[in-house]
Amino acid sequence: MSDSEIDTIDNLDYEHVGRRALHNAQERKRRNHIKENFNNLRDSVPTIQGEKSVSRAQILKKAGDYILYMKRRNLSHQQDIDDLKRQNTILEQQIKSIEKSLNLGQRDMYSNSDSSDLEEDFSV
């Protein structure tokens, strides 16, 4: 084997080692990112928040349960909001009706007092 062939083989080995090291570093970074996100998910679920010995399967199960719980809770709150909006609409209609009655009553009172004033002016 010539010196140039040995140099080529050595260069290929170094390139392979360099690519392998790069791949290992990228894989380690990916695994750390996944671990960090599982920890964030764990800390977002109140029933397992801060626990250190929870498996990834448990984290996913508890997170799914919590999502379903929050969906039901949001639906209940939305129904409460809809009920309150209906009650507000009814109350606003009642207010308008009462205001209308009061305005009509005041007009009747003014018209009655005006006609009685006229009667007094013309009675001799």
N, C-alpha and C. Protein backbone atom coordinates (compact mmCIF):
# COMPACT_ATOMS: atom_id res chain seq x y z
N MET A 1 0.84 -1.17 0.00
CA MET A 1 0.00 0.00 0.00
C MET A 1 0.89 1.24 0.00
N SER A 2 0.49 2.17 -0.79
CA SER A 2 1.29 3.39 -0.89
C SER A 2 0.90 4.37 0.20
N ASP A 3 1.75 5.35 0.39
CA ASP A 3 1.48 6.37 1.41
C ASP A 3 0.20 7.14 1.11
N SER A 4 -0.07 7.41 -0.15
CA SER A 4 -1.29 8.16 -0.51
C SER A 4 -2.53 7.33 -0.24
N GLU A 5 -2.45 6.01 -0.42
CA GLU A 5 -3.60 5.14 -0.12
C GLU A 5 -3.85 5.11 1.39
N ILE A 6 -2.79 5.05 2.16
CA ILE A 6 -2.92 5.04 3.62
C ILE A 6 -3.49 6.37 4.10
N ASP A 7 -3.03 7.48 3.51
CA ASP A 7 -3.56 8.80 3.86
C ASP A 7 -5.05 8.88 3.54
N THR A 8 -5.45 8.33 2.40
CA THR A 8 -6.86 8.34 2.00
C THR A 8 -7.69 7.54 3.00
N ILE A 9 -7.20 6.37 3.39
CA ILE A 9 -7.92 5.54 4.36
C ILE A 9 -8.01 6.27 5.70
N ASP A 10 -6.91 6.87 6.13
CA ASP A 10 -6.92 7.63 7.39
C ASP A 10 -7.91 8.79 7.32
N ASN A 11 -7.95 9.50 6.20
CA ASN A 11 -8.89 10.62 6.03
C ASN A 11 -10.32 10.12 6.09
N LEU A 12 -10.60 8.97 5.45
CA LEU A 12 -11.96 8.41 5.48
C LEU A 12 -12.34 8.02 6.90
N ASP A 13 -11.39 7.44 7.64
CA ASP A 13 -11.66 7.07 9.03
C ASP A 13 -11.96 8.32 9.87
N TYR A 14 -11.18 9.36 9.68
CA TYR A 14 -11.42 10.61 10.42
C TYR A 14 -12.77 11.23 10.05
N GLU A 15 -13.10 11.18 8.77
CA GLU A 15 -14.40 11.72 8.33
C GLU A 15 -15.53 10.91 8.94
N HIS A 16 -15.36 9.58 8.94
CA HIS A 16 -16.40 8.72 9.52
C HIS A 16 -16.55 9.00 11.02
N VAL A 17 -15.43 9.11 11.70
CA VAL A 17 -15.46 9.41 13.14
C VAL A 17 -16.10 10.78 13.37
N GLY A 18 -15.78 11.75 12.55
CA GLY A 18 -16.35 13.08 12.68
C GLY A 18 -17.85 13.09 12.43
N ARG A 19 -18.28 12.38 11.39
CA ARG A 19 -19.72 12.29 11.09
C ARG A 19 -20.45 11.56 12.21
N ARG A 20 -19.85 10.50 12.72
CA ARG A 20 -20.45 9.72 13.79
C ARG A 20 -20.60 10.58 15.05
N ALA A 21 -19.56 11.33 15.37
CA ALA A 21 -19.61 12.21 16.55
C ALA A 21 -20.69 13.27 16.37
N LEU A 22 -20.80 13.82 15.17
CA LEU A 22 -21.83 14.81 14.89
C LEU A 22 -23.22 14.19 15.03
N HIS A 23 -23.38 13.00 14.48
CA HIS A 23 -24.67 12.30 14.57
C HIS A 23 -25.02 12.03 16.03
N ASN A 24 -24.04 11.56 16.80
CA ASN A 24 -24.27 11.28 18.23
C ASN A 24 -24.67 12.55 18.98
N ALA A 25 -24.02 13.65 18.67
CA ALA A 25 -24.35 14.92 19.33
C ALA A 25 -25.77 15.37 18.97
N GLN A 26 -26.13 15.21 17.70
CA GLN A 26 -27.48 15.59 17.27
C GLN A 26 -28.53 14.69 17.93
N GLU A 27 -28.23 13.40 18.02
CA GLU A 27 -29.16 12.47 18.65
C GLU A 27 -29.31 12.79 20.14
N ARG A 28 -28.22 13.09 20.81
CA ARG A 28 -28.27 13.46 22.23
C ARG A 28 -29.10 14.73 22.42
N LYS A 29 -28.94 15.69 21.53
CA LYS A 29 -29.72 16.93 21.59
C LYS A 29 -31.20 16.64 21.39
N ARG A 30 -31.53 15.76 20.45
CA ARG A 30 -32.92 15.39 20.20
C ARG A 30 -33.54 14.71 21.43
N ARG A 31 -32.80 13.77 22.03
CA ARG A 31 -33.30 13.08 23.23
C ARG A 31 -33.49 14.05 24.39
N ASN A 32 -32.57 14.98 24.56
CA ASN A 32 -32.70 15.98 25.63
C ASN A 32 -33.92 16.87 25.41
N HIS A 33 -34.17 17.21 24.15
CA HIS A 33 -35.33 18.03 23.80
C HIS A 33 -36.63 17.28 24.14
N ILE A 34 -36.68 16.00 23.80
CA ILE A 34 -37.86 15.19 24.12
C ILE A 34 -38.03 15.10 25.64
N LYS A 35 -36.94 14.85 26.35
CA LYS A 35 -37.00 14.75 27.82
C LYS A 35 -37.51 16.05 28.43
N GLU A 36 -36.99 17.16 27.94
CA GLU A 36 -37.40 18.48 28.44
C GLU A 36 -38.90 18.70 28.20
N ASN A 37 -39.38 18.32 27.03
CA ASN A 37 -40.80 18.50 26.73
C ASN A 37 -41.68 17.58 27.57
N PHE A 38 -41.22 16.37 27.85
CA PHE A 38 -41.98 15.50 28.76
C PHE A 38 -42.03 16.11 30.16
N ASN A 39 -40.92 16.67 30.61
CA ASN A 39 -40.91 17.33 31.92
C ASN A 39 -41.87 18.52 31.94
N ASN A 40 -41.90 19.30 30.87
CA ASN A 40 -42.83 20.43 30.78
C ASN A 40 -44.27 19.94 30.80
N LEU A 41 -44.54 18.86 30.07
CA LEU A 41 -45.89 18.30 30.04
C LEU A 41 -46.27 17.80 31.43
N ARG A 42 -45.35 17.10 32.09
CA ARG A 42 -45.60 16.60 33.45
C ARG A 42 -45.94 17.76 34.39
N ASP A 43 -45.21 18.86 34.27
CA ASP A 43 -45.44 20.00 35.16
C ASP A 43 -46.70 20.78 34.81
N SER A 44 -47.29 20.49 33.67
CA SER A 44 -48.54 21.15 33.26
C SER A 44 -49.77 20.40 33.75
N VAL A 45 -49.58 19.18 34.24
CA VAL A 45 -50.70 18.37 34.71
C VAL A 45 -50.70 18.40 36.24
N PRO A 46 -51.73 18.99 36.84
CA PRO A 46 -51.73 19.19 38.30
C PRO A 46 -51.54 17.91 39.12
N THR A 47 -52.08 16.78 38.67
CA THR A 47 -52.00 15.56 39.49
C THR A 47 -50.60 14.96 39.56
N ILE A 48 -49.72 15.31 38.63
CA ILE A 48 -48.35 14.76 38.65
C ILE A 48 -47.29 15.86 38.63
N GLN A 49 -47.72 17.06 38.85
CA GLN A 49 -46.82 18.22 38.79
C GLN A 49 -45.66 18.06 39.76
N GLY A 50 -44.44 18.15 39.24
CA GLY A 50 -43.26 18.11 40.08
C GLY A 50 -42.79 16.72 40.49
N GLU A 51 -43.59 15.69 40.23
CA GLU A 51 -43.15 14.33 40.58
C GLU A 51 -42.01 13.92 39.68
N LYS A 52 -41.00 13.29 40.26
CA LYS A 52 -39.81 12.93 39.48
C LYS A 52 -39.87 11.51 38.93
N SER A 53 -40.58 10.62 39.58
CA SER A 53 -40.56 9.21 39.17
C SER A 53 -41.83 8.81 38.41
N VAL A 54 -42.18 9.59 37.41
CA VAL A 54 -43.35 9.29 36.60
C VAL A 54 -42.87 8.87 35.21
N SER A 55 -43.36 7.73 34.74
CA SER A 55 -42.93 7.26 33.43
C SER A 55 -43.56 8.10 32.33
N ARG A 56 -42.97 8.00 31.15
CA ARG A 56 -43.51 8.75 30.01
C ARG A 56 -44.93 8.30 29.69
N ALA A 57 -45.18 7.01 29.82
CA ALA A 57 -46.53 6.49 29.56
C ALA A 57 -47.53 7.09 30.55
N GLN A 58 -47.13 7.19 31.83
CA GLN A 58 -48.01 7.78 32.84
C GLN A 58 -48.24 9.26 32.55
N ILE A 59 -47.19 9.95 32.12
CA ILE A 59 -47.32 11.37 31.79
C ILE A 59 -48.34 11.54 30.67
N LEU A 60 -48.22 10.73 29.62
CA LEU A 60 -49.16 10.84 28.50
C LEU A 60 -50.58 10.49 28.93
N LYS A 61 -50.74 9.45 29.75
CA LYS A 61 -52.07 9.05 30.22
C LYS A 61 -52.69 10.15 31.07
N LYS A 62 -51.94 10.66 32.03
CA LYS A 62 -52.46 11.72 32.91
C LYS A 62 -52.74 13.00 32.13
N ALA A 63 -51.90 13.30 31.15
CA ALA A 63 -52.13 14.50 30.33
C ALA A 63 -53.41 14.34 29.53
N GLY A 64 -53.63 13.16 28.97
CA GLY A 64 -54.88 12.90 28.23
C GLY A 64 -56.09 13.03 29.13
N ASP A 65 -56.01 12.45 30.34
CA ASP A 65 -57.11 12.56 31.31
C ASP A 65 -57.39 14.02 31.65
N TYR A 66 -56.33 14.78 31.85
CA TYR A 66 -56.47 16.19 32.21
C TYR A 66 -57.10 16.99 31.07
N ILE A 67 -56.73 16.68 29.85
CA ILE A 67 -57.31 17.35 28.69
C ILE A 67 -58.81 17.07 28.62
N LEU A 68 -59.20 15.81 28.83
CA LEU A 68 -60.63 15.47 28.81
C LEU A 68 -61.38 16.19 29.94
N TYR A 69 -60.77 16.24 31.12
CA TYR A 69 -61.38 16.95 32.25
C TYR A 69 -61.58 18.43 31.91
N MET A 70 -60.55 19.05 31.34
CA MET A 70 -60.64 20.47 31.00
C MET A 70 -61.67 20.71 29.89
N LYS A 71 -61.80 19.79 28.95
CA LYS A 71 -62.81 19.94 27.90
C LYS A 71 -64.21 19.92 28.52
N ARG A 72 -64.45 18.96 29.44
CA ARG A 72 -65.76 18.90 30.11
C ARG A 72 -66.01 20.17 30.92
N ARG A 73 -65.00 20.63 31.60
CA ARG A 73 -65.12 21.84 32.42
C ARG A 73 -65.42 23.06 31.54
N ASN A 74 -64.71 23.17 30.43
CA ASN A 74 -64.95 24.29 29.52
C ASN A 74 -66.36 24.24 28.94
N LEU A 75 -66.83 23.03 28.61
CA LEU A 75 -68.19 22.88 28.10
C LEU A 75 -69.20 23.34 29.15
N SER A 76 -68.98 22.94 30.38
CA SER A 76 -69.87 23.35 31.47
C SER A 76 -69.86 24.87 31.63
N HIS A 77 -68.69 25.46 31.59
CA HIS A 77 -68.59 26.92 31.71
C HIS A 77 -69.26 27.61 30.53
N GLN A 78 -69.12 27.05 29.34
CA GLN A 78 -69.76 27.64 28.17
C GLN A 78 -71.28 27.59 28.31
N GLN A 79 -71.79 26.48 28.85
CA GLN A 79 -73.24 26.38 29.08
C GLN A 79 -73.68 27.42 30.11
N ASP A 80 -72.89 27.61 31.15
CA ASP A 80 -73.20 28.64 32.15
C ASP A 80 -73.22 30.03 31.50
N ILE A 81 -72.25 30.29 30.64
CA ILE A 81 -72.18 31.59 29.95
C ILE A 81 -73.42 31.78 29.08
N ASP A 82 -73.79 30.73 28.33
CA ASP A 82 -74.98 30.82 27.47
C ASP A 82 -76.24 31.07 28.30
N ASP A 83 -76.37 30.38 29.45
CA ASP A 83 -77.52 30.60 30.33
C ASP A 83 -77.55 32.05 30.84
N LEU A 84 -76.41 32.56 31.25
CA LEU A 84 -76.34 33.94 31.75
C LEU A 84 -76.67 34.94 30.65
N LYS A 85 -76.24 34.67 29.42
CA LYS A 85 -76.58 35.55 28.31
C LYS A 85 -78.09 35.57 28.07
N ARG A 86 -78.71 34.38 28.15
CA ARG A 86 -80.18 34.32 27.99
C ARG A 86 -80.87 35.10 29.10
N GLN A 87 -80.39 34.94 30.33
CA GLN A 87 -80.97 35.67 31.45
C GLN A 87 -80.80 37.18 31.27
N ASN A 88 -79.64 37.59 30.80
CA ASN A 88 -79.40 39.02 30.54
C ASN A 88 -80.36 39.55 29.49
N THR A 89 -80.57 38.78 28.43
CA THR A 89 -81.49 39.19 27.37
C THR A 89 -82.90 39.37 27.94
N ILE A 90 -83.33 38.41 28.74
CA ILE A 90 -84.67 38.49 29.35
C ILE A 90 -84.76 39.72 30.26
N LEU A 91 -83.74 39.94 31.08
CA LEU A 91 -83.75 41.10 31.99
C LEU A 91 -83.73 42.42 31.22
N GLU A 92 -82.96 42.47 30.13
CA GLU A 92 -82.94 43.69 29.32
C GLU A 92 -84.32 43.95 28.70
N GLN A 93 -85.00 42.90 28.28
CA GLN A 93 -86.35 43.06 27.74
C GLN A 93 -87.30 43.55 28.82
N GLN A 94 -87.16 43.02 30.03
CA GLN A 94 -88.01 43.47 31.13
C GLN A 94 -87.74 44.94 31.46
N ILE A 95 -86.48 45.34 31.44
CA ILE A 95 -86.14 46.75 31.70
C ILE A 95 -86.77 47.64 30.66
N LYS A 96 -86.66 47.27 29.39
CA LYS A 96 -87.26 48.08 28.32
C LYS A 96 -88.77 48.15 28.48
N SER A 97 -89.37 47.05 28.85
CA SER A 97 -90.82 47.03 29.04
C SER A 97 -91.23 47.95 30.20
N ILE A 98 -90.50 47.89 31.29
CA ILE A 98 -90.80 48.75 32.44
C ILE A 98 -90.57 50.22 32.09
N GLU A 99 -89.46 50.50 31.38
CA GLU A 99 -89.20 51.89 30.98
C GLU A 99 -90.30 52.39 30.06
N LYS A 100 -90.76 51.53 29.17
CA LYS A 100 -91.83 51.93 28.25
C LYS A 100 -93.11 52.21 29.04
N SER A 101 -93.41 51.35 30.01
CA SER A 101 -94.60 51.56 30.84
C SER A 101 -94.49 52.86 31.62
N LEU A 102 -93.31 53.12 32.16
CA LEU A 102 -93.12 54.36 32.92
C LEU A 102 -93.28 55.57 32.02
N ASN A 103 -92.73 55.52 30.82
CA ASN A 103 -92.87 56.63 29.88
C ASN A 103 -94.32 56.84 29.49
N LEU A 104 -95.04 55.76 29.26
CA LEU A 104 -96.47 55.88 28.92
C LEU A 104 -97.24 56.45 30.11
N GLY A 105 -96.90 55.99 31.31
CA GLY A 105 -97.57 56.48 32.51
C GLY A 105 -97.31 57.96 32.72
N GLN A 106 -96.11 58.42 32.45
CA GLN A 106 -95.80 59.84 32.60
C GLN A 106 -96.54 60.66 31.56
N ARG A 107 -96.63 60.14 30.33
CA ARG A 107 -97.37 60.86 29.30
C ARG A 107 -98.84 60.98 29.67
N ASP A 108 -99.41 59.88 30.18
CA ASP A 108 -100.81 59.91 30.61
C ASP A 108 -100.98 60.91 31.74
N MET A 109 -100.04 60.95 32.65
CA MET A 109 -100.13 61.86 33.77
C MET A 109 -100.07 63.31 33.27
N TYR A 110 -99.17 63.59 32.32
CA TYR A 110 -99.08 64.94 31.77
C TYR A 110 -100.33 65.28 30.98
N SER A 111 -100.81 64.35 30.21
CA SER A 111 -101.99 64.66 29.40
C SER A 111 -103.22 64.84 30.29
N ASN A 112 -103.33 64.08 31.37
CA ASN A 112 -104.45 64.24 32.29
C ASN A 112 -104.35 65.58 33.02
N SER A 113 -103.17 65.96 33.44
CA SER A 113 -103.03 67.23 34.15
C SER A 113 -103.24 68.39 33.20
N ASP A 114 -102.85 68.28 31.93
CA ASP A 114 -103.07 69.33 30.96
C ASP A 114 -104.56 69.52 30.70
N SER A 115 -105.30 68.43 30.55
CA SER A 115 -106.73 68.56 30.26
C SER A 115 -107.47 69.09 31.48
N SER A 116 -107.05 68.72 32.68
CA SER A 116 -107.73 69.26 33.86
C SER A 116 -107.42 70.74 34.03
N ASP A 117 -106.21 71.17 33.63
CA ASP A 117 -105.87 72.59 33.67
C ASP A 117 -106.75 73.35 32.70
N LEU A 118 -106.97 72.77 31.54
CA LEU A 118 -107.82 73.42 30.55
C LEU A 118 -109.25 73.54 31.06
N GLU A 119 -109.74 72.48 31.70
CA GLU A 119 -111.09 72.50 32.22
C GLU A 119 -111.23 73.59 33.29
N GLU A 120 -110.20 73.74 34.12
CA GLU A 120 -110.24 74.76 35.15
C GLU A 120 -110.23 76.15 34.54
N ASP A 121 -109.49 76.34 33.45
CA ASP A 121 -109.41 77.64 32.80
C ASP A 121 -110.75 78.03 32.19
N PHE A 122 -111.49 77.05 31.70
CA PHE A 122 -112.73 77.38 31.00
C PHE A 122 -113.96 77.30 31.90
N SER A 123 -113.81 76.85 33.09
CA SER A 123 -114.99 76.80 33.95
C SER A 123 -115.17 78.15 34.63
N VAL A 124 -116.38 78.59 34.62
CA VAL A 124 -116.65 79.89 35.19
C VAL A 124 -117.72 79.80 36.24
